[in-house]
Every structure is written in structure tokens, then in C-alpha cells.
């Protein structure tokens, strides 16, 4: 369809299916109730917020993911959009193609502070690249990877400190009840007026209506958004703001990352269908009950 399946379409599709390689489609309890022989949902990518894990576990359906498969690709895009917004690349290219000679005065990344909310695999890959630009690195993560952070030169800070200090704030958090809507008015008002928000994680982390207001009223300088609450986000006020760089959820769209996610998901799925424990199992309780 060129879009995620609707719940009704998934309900019609899952009957009689033993294994599914899943993209961003949402597997709700209602969908899994129609899955009469489903043994495994193999997610492409690390996030599993599109699967009702409680319902899957209750029904005895194994859920797997492919952690790390797209870390390099996503981290590359974060640096790409940081460079783009700091130098006004998109607007100056559009101006030149439209017959206007515009040379915006930009900023260098060196010496600026990159704030990371989340220091998992992707956050650490972003830090690794940003260190090559001589950026100051601050991060907040409740599951602090002490050894890796020290090796990368990342300083630990509270969430409030990261918000206040960041020239570029990059989100690398999973979508959970605690993180949904995390970036709202208090957080955006706490940021520097010259700061940029970068979101390549999940659209639901950000209160989009509030962000649109913040960008119109210049609470912050701008945003680079690869993910949205509703995708495609046609009709979103964020798409037409001059200080927003929107991209169509393409952070993991590289040949290398797609191959790694596809192969990882296939290996997980085939392992389950062979009666073997998959390499990356999200709900191990199901496996323990079956062996």
C-alpha cells in the first residue's frame, strides 16, 4: 500500500500466518486476537512500540527485534541534518535553484554543545561522530553506560541540564508511557533560543502542536524532524515552517541498514520456526514457558 497497514487490514491478513516480518505497522491486541497460528513477530529495527507486548506475551507470540542494525545510518543522518541547519543548506540551495544568490551566515559545530537524551547504541554512534567535530557532549540516560560514555568523552547530566545547555538537542529514546510527549512547553522553553531540536527516534516523543508554536514564536531556532506522530504527516503545521527541516522517516533508509534489518529479522523468524531461541528476543517469558 505504500503506507502502514490499518488495524482492519492487519486483522484480515494475520489469520493462518505462522510468522511475520514487521515494519512500522501496529500490532494491537485486536489484531493478535485474529492471529490463530502466529508464533513470531520479527520487527525490522530496534523499537517494538508498534507491538502490544502484553497481548503478544499473553497469547504466546514471540516478539523479536534487530538492535544495532540501523545505528550507523541513523547517526549519519543526525550529523547530516545538524550540518544542514547550521549552515542553512536547504534554503540556500532552494534560493539558488530559484535564481537568487543567497549566502546565509551559519555556525560551525566545533565548540557547540550536543545534548543527547538517550545514550543507547544510536546515541553513542552520534556522540562518536560529533566528537570528530570537536563538540562538547552532554547526555542523560537513566541506564547510564559508564564505560562507553567515558570512552566517548560524554559527560553525564540531568535532563534539565541537557535541555538548558544544548545547542543541538538530539532525541534517542524509546517510546514508552514515560517518554510519550516528553518534549512539551516546559522543555522547549528551557532550551536556548539559538538551539535546534533533532528527532530521529519517535514522533510521539514530541508534543507537535506545542513545538509548532515554539518554532513560530522563536522559543528555539529550529528543528530537524525525521519522525512524526502521524506518518505521512501531510497537513501537519510543522511541514510549512521555514525553521523546520522535515524528512520522510528516512534515517534508516540506507542499503546497508536495510539489508542488516532484513537479514536480522529473517534470522530471528527462521530460528523460531525451527524451534530455536531467536538471537534477539524481546519477551523471553514466552520462550521460557515453551521449553
Protein backbone atom coordinates (compact mmCIF):
# COMPACT_ATOMS: atom_id res chain seq x y z
CA UNK A 1 0.00 0.00 0.00
CA UNK A 2 2.95 2.35 0.39
CA UNK A 3 1.83 3.04 3.97
CA UNK A 4 1.40 1.11 7.22
CA UNK A 5 -1.47 -1.38 7.33
CA UNK A 6 -4.62 -0.28 9.10
CA UNK A 7 -5.81 -2.35 12.05
CA UNK A 8 -8.62 -3.80 9.93
CA UNK A 9 -6.22 -4.77 7.15
CA UNK A 10 -3.93 -6.50 9.63
CA UNK A 11 -6.82 -8.34 11.21
CA UNK A 12 -7.71 -9.72 7.79
CA UNK A 13 -4.10 -10.59 6.97
CA UNK A 14 -2.89 -12.45 10.08
CA UNK A 15 -5.19 -15.46 10.11
CA UNK A 16 -3.32 -18.66 9.31
CA UNK A 17 0.09 -16.96 9.44
CA UNK A 18 2.93 -18.56 11.45
CA UNK A 19 5.50 -15.74 11.29
CA UNK A 20 5.51 -12.06 10.35
CA UNK A 21 8.38 -9.74 9.47
CA UNK A 22 7.03 -6.42 10.65
CA UNK A 23 7.79 -2.84 9.74
CA UNK A 24 6.06 0.09 11.39
CA UNK A 25 2.59 -1.48 11.35
CA UNK A 26 0.81 -1.58 14.71
CA UNK A 27 0.02 -4.99 16.12
CA UNK A 28 -2.69 -4.34 18.66
CA UNK A 29 -4.46 -6.80 20.94
CA UNK A 30 -7.37 -6.86 18.49
CA UNK A 31 -5.03 -7.83 15.64
CA UNK A 32 -3.34 -10.60 17.60
CA UNK A 33 -6.70 -11.97 18.68
CA UNK A 34 -7.25 -12.85 15.00
CA UNK A 35 -3.81 -14.49 14.70
CA UNK A 36 -4.81 -18.10 15.22
CA UNK A 37 -1.41 -19.68 14.44
CA UNK A 38 1.06 -16.83 14.84
CA UNK A 39 4.28 -17.80 16.62
CA UNK A 40 6.56 -14.82 16.00
CA UNK A 41 6.51 -11.12 15.06
CA UNK A 42 10.01 -10.26 13.85
CA UNK A 43 10.45 -6.48 13.92
CA UNK A 44 12.81 -4.77 11.49
CA UNK A 45 14.65 -2.29 13.72
CA UNK A 46 15.13 -1.93 17.44
CA UNK A 47 11.85 -0.34 18.52
CA UNK A 48 8.93 -2.58 19.44
CA UNK A 49 6.43 0.10 20.48
CA UNK A 50 4.32 -0.91 17.48
CA UNK A 51 3.59 -4.26 19.13
CA UNK A 52 1.35 -4.72 22.15
CA UNK A 53 3.88 -6.77 24.11
CA UNK A 54 1.45 -7.59 26.90
CA UNK A 55 -1.05 -9.04 24.43
CA UNK A 56 1.67 -10.88 22.49
CA UNK A 57 3.08 -12.43 25.64
CA UNK A 58 -0.37 -13.41 26.88
CA UNK A 59 -1.08 -15.13 23.57
CA UNK A 60 2.31 -16.87 23.47
CA UNK A 61 3.65 -14.91 20.47
CA UNK A 62 7.39 -14.29 20.45
CA UNK A 63 8.49 -10.76 19.54
CA UNK A 64 11.99 -10.07 18.22
CA UNK A 65 13.91 -7.04 17.01
CA UNK A 66 17.22 -6.13 15.34
CA UNK A 67 19.11 -3.86 17.76
CA UNK A 68 22.06 -2.02 16.25
CA UNK A 69 21.18 -2.82 12.65
CA UNK A 70 20.42 0.80 11.77
CA UNK A 71 22.56 2.64 14.35
CA UNK A 72 25.16 3.83 11.83
CA UNK A 73 22.56 5.02 9.34
CA UNK A 74 20.56 6.99 11.92
CA UNK A 75 23.68 8.54 13.43
CA UNK A 76 24.87 9.62 9.98
CA UNK A 77 21.56 11.39 9.35
CA UNK A 78 21.72 13.21 12.69
CA UNK A 79 25.08 14.69 11.74
CA UNK A 80 23.82 15.46 8.24
CA UNK A 81 20.86 17.50 9.49
CA UNK A 82 22.97 19.23 12.12
CA UNK A 83 25.27 20.42 9.36
CA UNK A 84 22.34 21.34 7.14
CA UNK A 85 20.56 23.51 9.70
CA UNK A 86 23.75 25.08 11.00
CA UNK A 87 24.71 26.27 7.51
CA UNK A 88 21.27 26.96 6.02
CA UNK A 89 21.92 24.47 3.23
CA UNK A 90 18.33 23.71 2.26
CA UNK A 91 17.18 27.31 1.96
CA UNK A 92 20.31 28.46 0.13
CA UNK A 93 20.12 25.59 -2.38
CA UNK A 94 16.42 26.35 -2.99
CA UNK A 95 17.23 30.04 -3.44
CA UNK A 96 19.98 29.31 -5.97
CA UNK A 97 17.74 26.96 -7.94
CA UNK A 98 15.12 29.71 -7.93
CA UNK A 99 17.51 32.23 -9.41
CA UNK A 100 18.55 34.00 -6.20
CA UNK A 101 22.09 34.30 -4.82
CA UNK A 102 21.72 33.90 -1.03
CA UNK A 103 24.68 33.28 1.27
CA UNK A 104 23.42 32.76 4.84
CA UNK A 105 25.75 33.29 7.76
CA UNK A 106 25.92 29.94 9.51
CA UNK A 107 27.55 28.33 12.51
CA UNK A 108 30.36 25.83 12.98
CA UNK A 109 29.73 22.71 15.04
CA UNK A 110 33.10 22.89 16.77
CA UNK A 111 32.79 24.11 20.34
CA UNK A 112 28.99 23.79 20.36
CA UNK A 113 27.19 21.55 22.84
CA UNK A 114 25.38 18.47 21.62
CA UNK A 115 22.79 17.30 24.13
CA UNK A 116 21.65 13.70 23.89
CA UNK A 117 18.52 12.38 25.56
CA UNK A 118 19.27 8.67 25.42
CA UNK A 119 22.73 7.14 25.17
CA UNK A 120 21.98 3.74 23.74
CA UNK A 121 23.53 2.34 20.58
CA UNK A 122 22.37 5.18 18.32
CA UNK A 123 23.09 7.92 20.85
CA UNK A 124 26.63 6.60 21.25
CA UNK A 125 27.17 6.48 17.49
CA UNK A 126 26.02 10.11 17.25
CA UNK A 127 28.42 11.05 20.06
CA UNK A 128 31.26 9.25 18.27
CA UNK A 129 30.70 11.30 15.13
CA UNK A 130 30.14 14.59 16.94
CA UNK A 131 33.41 14.19 18.82
CA UNK A 132 35.14 14.37 15.44
CA UNK A 133 33.72 17.87 15.09
CA UNK A 134 35.14 18.88 18.49
CA UNK A 135 31.71 19.27 20.04
CA UNK A 136 31.04 19.25 23.78
CA UNK A 137 28.95 16.17 24.57
CA UNK A 138 26.28 16.03 27.30
CA UNK A 139 23.81 13.21 27.78
CA UNK A 140 21.05 11.99 30.04
CA UNK A 141 20.09 8.35 30.25
CA UNK A 142 18.66 6.56 33.31
CA UNK A 143 20.58 3.44 32.23
CA UNK A 144 23.97 5.15 32.10
CA UNK A 145 26.61 3.25 30.08
CA UNK A 146 29.54 4.44 32.18
CA UNK A 147 32.41 2.76 30.33
CA UNK A 148 31.19 3.68 26.85
CA UNK A 149 30.39 7.25 27.88
CA UNK A 150 33.87 7.73 29.32
CA UNK A 151 35.49 6.34 26.18
CA UNK A 152 33.46 8.74 24.01
CA UNK A 153 34.04 11.77 26.24
CA UNK A 154 30.34 12.18 27.06
CA UNK A 155 29.53 13.98 30.30
CA UNK A 156 26.59 12.83 32.39
CA UNK A 157 23.93 15.44 33.14
CA UNK A 158 20.37 15.69 34.33
CA UNK A 159 17.64 16.07 31.75
CA UNK A 160 17.16 19.71 32.78
CA UNK A 161 20.88 20.40 32.36
CA UNK A 162 20.90 18.85 28.89
CA UNK A 163 17.92 20.97 27.86
CA UNK A 164 19.49 24.20 29.17
CA UNK A 165 22.98 23.62 27.78
CA UNK A 166 22.37 22.08 24.37
CA UNK A 167 22.94 23.98 21.16
CA UNK A 168 21.64 20.86 19.41
CA UNK A 169 19.28 18.54 21.29
CA UNK A 170 19.01 15.08 19.75
CA UNK A 171 16.42 12.54 20.93
CA UNK A 172 17.36 8.86 21.14
CA UNK A 173 14.72 7.41 23.42
CA UNK A 174 12.32 4.50 23.06
CA UNK A 175 8.62 5.26 23.07
CA UNK A 176 7.19 4.29 26.46
CA UNK A 177 4.38 5.67 28.63
CA UNK A 178 7.08 7.69 30.44
CA UNK A 179 8.60 9.22 27.29
CA UNK A 180 5.46 9.90 25.25
CA UNK A 181 5.01 13.66 24.93
CA UNK A 182 8.27 14.23 26.82
CA UNK A 183 9.14 17.37 24.86
CA UNK A 184 6.46 19.91 25.63
CA UNK A 185 6.23 23.57 26.63
CA UNK A 186 8.37 23.44 29.80
CA UNK A 187 11.15 21.60 27.97
CA UNK A 188 11.10 23.81 24.88
CA UNK A 189 11.04 27.00 26.95
CA UNK A 190 14.01 25.70 28.93
CA UNK A 191 16.10 25.40 25.75
CA UNK A 192 18.29 28.15 24.35
CA UNK A 193 16.68 30.43 21.79
CA UNK A 194 19.54 29.54 19.45
CA UNK A 195 19.10 25.77 19.91
CA UNK A 196 17.89 23.16 17.44
CA UNK A 197 15.78 20.10 18.23
CA UNK A 198 16.56 16.92 16.28
CA UNK A 199 14.23 13.94 16.39
CA UNK A 200 15.07 10.71 14.59
CA UNK A 201 13.56 8.46 17.28
CA UNK A 202 9.76 8.54 17.55
CA UNK A 203 7.34 11.32 16.66
CA UNK A 204 5.31 10.65 19.79
CA UNK A 205 8.16 11.88 21.99
CA UNK A 206 7.29 15.45 20.98
CA UNK A 207 4.10 17.41 21.54
CA UNK A 208 3.86 18.61 17.96
CA UNK A 209 1.31 21.40 18.42
CA UNK A 210 3.47 22.90 21.15
CA UNK A 211 6.58 22.54 19.01
CA UNK A 212 4.85 24.33 16.13
CA UNK A 213 4.05 27.22 18.46
CA UNK A 214 7.61 27.25 19.77
CA UNK A 215 9.00 27.46 16.27
CA UNK A 216 6.59 30.17 15.14
CA UNK A 217 7.34 32.27 18.23
CA UNK A 218 11.08 31.53 18.14
CA UNK A 219 11.40 29.86 21.53
CA UNK A 220 14.10 27.85 19.77
CA UNK A 221 15.92 28.42 16.49
CA UNK A 222 14.61 25.42 14.60
CA UNK A 223 14.04 21.70 14.34
CA UNK A 224 15.04 18.78 12.13
CA UNK A 225 12.34 16.09 12.24
CA UNK A 226 12.54 12.67 10.62
CA UNK A 227 9.60 11.19 12.54
CA UNK A 228 6.06 12.37 13.20
CA UNK A 229 3.08 11.28 15.27
CA UNK A 230 1.11 10.62 12.08
CA UNK A 231 3.00 9.35 9.06
CA UNK A 232 2.89 10.57 6.38
CA UNK A 233 2.39 13.89 8.23
CA UNK A 234 0.51 15.67 5.44
CA UNK A 235 -1.45 18.54 6.92
CA UNK A 236 0.92 18.98 9.86
CA UNK A 237 1.68 22.64 10.57
CA UNK A 238 5.32 21.64 11.05
CA UNK A 239 5.84 20.91 7.37
CA UNK A 240 5.50 24.51 6.20
CA UNK A 241 7.50 26.34 8.84
CA UNK A 242 10.69 27.95 7.49
CA UNK A 243 12.76 26.86 10.51
CA UNK A 244 11.88 23.16 10.20
CA UNK A 245 13.86 20.63 8.18
CA UNK A 246 11.42 17.71 7.71
CA UNK A 247 12.48 14.37 6.25
CA UNK A 248 10.25 11.35 5.47
CA UNK A 249 11.39 8.86 8.15
CA UNK A 250 14.49 8.00 6.16
CA UNK A 251 17.11 7.78 8.92
CA UNK A 252 17.49 4.02 8.48
CA UNK A 253 17.00 4.05 4.72
CA UNK A 254 20.47 3.06 3.58
CA UNK A 255 21.29 -0.06 1.62
CA UNK A 256 23.47 -1.31 4.46
CA UNK A 257 20.91 -0.72 7.23
CA UNK A 258 18.00 -2.16 5.25
CA UNK A 259 19.98 -5.31 4.49
CA UNK A 260 21.04 -5.66 8.13
CA UNK A 261 17.46 -5.20 9.38
CA UNK A 262 16.02 -7.57 6.78
CA UNK A 263 18.59 -10.28 7.45
CA UNK A 264 18.33 -9.87 11.21
CA UNK A 265 14.53 -10.11 11.15
CA UNK A 266 14.66 -13.14 8.85
CA UNK A 267 17.19 -14.90 11.10
CA UNK A 268 15.00 -14.26 14.14
CA UNK A 269 11.90 -15.53 12.38
CA UNK A 270 13.54 -18.65 10.96
CA UNK A 271 15.04 -19.54 14.32
CA UNK A 272 11.59 -19.54 15.92
CA UNK A 273 10.04 -21.59 13.13
CA UNK A 274 12.88 -24.13 13.56
CA UNK A 275 12.18 -24.36 17.27
CA UNK A 276 15.31 -22.44 18.23
CA UNK A 277 15.64 -19.43 20.53
CA UNK A 278 16.00 -16.34 18.29
CA UNK A 279 19.10 -14.13 18.64
CA UNK A 280 17.16 -11.04 19.75
CA UNK A 281 14.11 -11.89 21.81
CA UNK A 282 12.10 -9.10 23.42
CA UNK A 283 9.65 -11.15 25.53
CA UNK A 284 11.69 -14.11 26.84
CA UNK A 285 8.89 -15.20 29.20
CA UNK A 286 7.11 -16.72 26.21
CA UNK A 287 10.18 -18.75 25.29
CA UNK A 288 10.71 -19.97 28.85
CA UNK A 289 7.13 -21.24 29.00
CA UNK A 290 7.52 -23.10 25.71
CA UNK A 291 10.71 -25.03 26.52
